[in-house]
Amino acid sequence: MTSQAQAEMSLPGTLGLAFLGFPLHPARKPSTARAEHLASITVPVLFLQGERGQLAGRHLMEQLVQDLGHRATLHPLPDADHSFHASAHSGRADDQVMGAVLDALAAWISMWPI
């Protein structure tokens, strides 16, 4: 993972890291062990997470972002799973969810000077 490399040594030219569906833990095995290295990252990080995903419980993601402080942002997607597929009962199509993902990513990227 790029985040592990960034945690070991700052990667040249890296202004931030965006995670599209960070796999915080195995399905149905809540844990934050996979995120321990993130505390060593000094660049801003964005987590785009489907709330229906089974690889990152919302309360664990919220706590992780709080622990990482001001450099971390969580953008939850309530109608999406880990792969950003919309639930059938949501009334949204996968391309609408992906549009929300891309809009959030573009807005976050636009905040950083190049």
Protein backbone atom coordinates (compact mmCIF):
# COMPACT_ATOMS: atom_id res chain seq x y z
CA MET A 1 0.00 0.00 0.00
CA THR A 2 1.12 3.52 -0.73
CA SER A 3 0.13 4.55 2.78
CA GLN A 4 2.62 2.10 4.27
CA ALA A 5 5.40 3.47 2.06
CA GLN A 6 4.42 7.05 2.97
CA ALA A 7 4.45 6.11 6.66
CA GLU A 8 8.00 4.75 6.42
CA MET A 9 9.45 7.65 4.45
CA SER A 10 7.79 10.68 2.93
CA LEU A 11 7.28 10.07 -0.78
CA PRO A 12 8.65 12.96 -2.88
CA GLY A 13 5.96 15.26 -4.24
CA THR A 14 3.12 13.67 -2.29
CA LEU A 15 0.67 16.34 -1.18
CA GLY A 16 -1.95 13.98 0.21
CA LEU A 17 -3.39 10.48 0.08
CA ALA A 18 -6.95 9.59 -0.88
CA PHE A 19 -8.35 6.21 0.05
CA LEU A 20 -11.30 4.96 -1.97
CA GLY A 21 -12.72 2.32 0.34
CA PHE A 22 -9.95 1.88 2.92
CA PRO A 23 -10.03 -1.78 4.08
CA LEU A 24 -9.84 -1.07 7.80
CA HIS A 25 -10.55 -4.66 8.85
CA PRO A 26 -11.59 -8.03 7.44
CA ALA A 27 -15.32 -8.55 6.93
CA ARG A 28 -17.14 -9.09 10.24
CA LYS A 29 -13.88 -8.78 12.23
CA PRO A 30 -13.81 -5.15 13.47
CA SER A 31 -10.32 -3.88 14.24
CA THR A 32 -8.11 -0.88 13.63
CA ALA A 33 -4.81 -2.76 13.39
CA ARG A 34 -4.56 -2.16 9.64
CA ALA A 35 -4.55 1.58 10.28
CA GLU A 36 -1.81 1.83 12.90
CA HIS A 37 0.73 3.02 10.32
CA LEU A 38 -1.46 5.99 9.38
CA ALA A 39 -0.39 7.86 12.51
CA SER A 40 3.07 8.25 10.92
CA ILE A 41 1.72 9.96 7.81
CA THR A 42 2.08 13.73 7.88
CA VAL A 43 0.27 14.65 4.65
CA PRO A 44 -3.52 15.15 4.52
CA VAL A 45 -5.60 12.02 4.01
CA LEU A 46 -9.11 11.54 2.66
CA PHE A 47 -11.23 8.47 3.29
CA LEU A 48 -14.11 7.93 0.87
CA GLN A 49 -16.08 5.13 2.45
CA GLY A 50 -19.30 3.33 1.54
CA GLU A 51 -21.28 3.08 4.77
CA ARG A 52 -22.70 -0.31 3.85
CA GLY A 53 -19.26 -1.82 3.39
CA GLN A 54 -18.16 -4.63 5.67
CA LEU A 55 -14.46 -3.74 5.64
CA ALA A 56 -14.68 -0.51 7.64
CA GLY A 57 -17.31 0.00 10.30
CA ARG A 58 -18.48 3.61 10.41
CA HIS A 59 -17.84 4.09 14.13
CA LEU A 60 -14.29 2.73 13.73
CA MET A 61 -13.64 5.01 10.75
CA GLU A 62 -14.97 8.02 12.64
CA GLN A 63 -12.71 7.24 15.59
CA LEU A 64 -9.72 6.73 13.28
CA VAL A 65 -10.27 10.10 11.61
CA GLN A 66 -10.68 11.78 14.98
CA ASP A 67 -7.45 10.18 16.20
CA LEU A 68 -5.56 11.31 13.09
CA GLY A 69 -6.69 14.87 13.73
CA HIS A 70 -6.93 17.83 11.39
CA ARG A 71 -5.09 16.15 8.52
CA ALA A 72 -7.77 13.46 8.09
CA THR A 73 -11.15 13.79 6.41
CA LEU A 74 -13.92 11.19 6.20
CA HIS A 75 -16.48 11.37 3.42
CA PRO A 76 -19.10 8.67 4.02
CA LEU A 77 -21.35 7.46 1.21
CA PRO A 78 -24.57 6.23 2.84
CA ASP A 79 -26.01 4.37 -0.17
CA ALA A 80 -22.80 2.55 -1.07
CA ASP A 81 -20.94 -0.58 -0.11
CA HIS A 82 -17.16 -0.98 0.01
CA SER A 83 -16.97 -1.08 -3.81
CA PHE A 84 -19.31 1.91 -4.14
CA HIS A 85 -22.24 -0.13 -5.41
CA ALA A 86 -25.58 1.46 -4.55
CA SER A 87 -28.17 -0.52 -2.64
CA ALA A 88 -31.23 -1.41 -4.70
CA HIS A 89 -33.64 0.25 -2.25
CA SER A 90 -31.68 3.52 -2.21
CA GLY A 91 -33.09 4.65 -5.54
CA ARG A 92 -29.58 5.59 -6.67
CA ALA A 93 -27.62 4.00 -9.47
CA ASP A 94 -23.97 3.00 -9.17
CA ASP A 95 -22.96 5.82 -11.53
CA GLN A 96 -24.63 8.36 -9.22
CA VAL A 97 -22.65 7.06 -6.26
CA MET A 98 -19.46 7.12 -8.31
CA GLY A 99 -20.27 10.68 -9.33
CA ALA A 100 -20.49 11.59 -5.64
CA VAL A 101 -17.15 9.87 -5.04
CA LEU A 102 -15.48 11.78 -7.85
CA ASP A 103 -17.04 15.10 -6.82
CA ALA A 104 -15.80 14.68 -3.24
CA LEU A 105 -12.34 13.65 -4.45
CA ALA A 106 -12.10 16.59 -6.86
CA ALA A 107 -13.22 19.04 -4.15
CA TRP A 108 -10.60 17.69 -1.74
CA ILE A 109 -7.84 17.80 -4.36
CA SER A 110 -8.73 21.38 -5.30
CA MET A 111 -7.97 22.50 -1.73
CA TRP A 112 -4.27 21.71 -2.08
CA PRO A 113 -1.89 24.01 -3.95
CA ILE A 114 0.00 22.46 -6.81
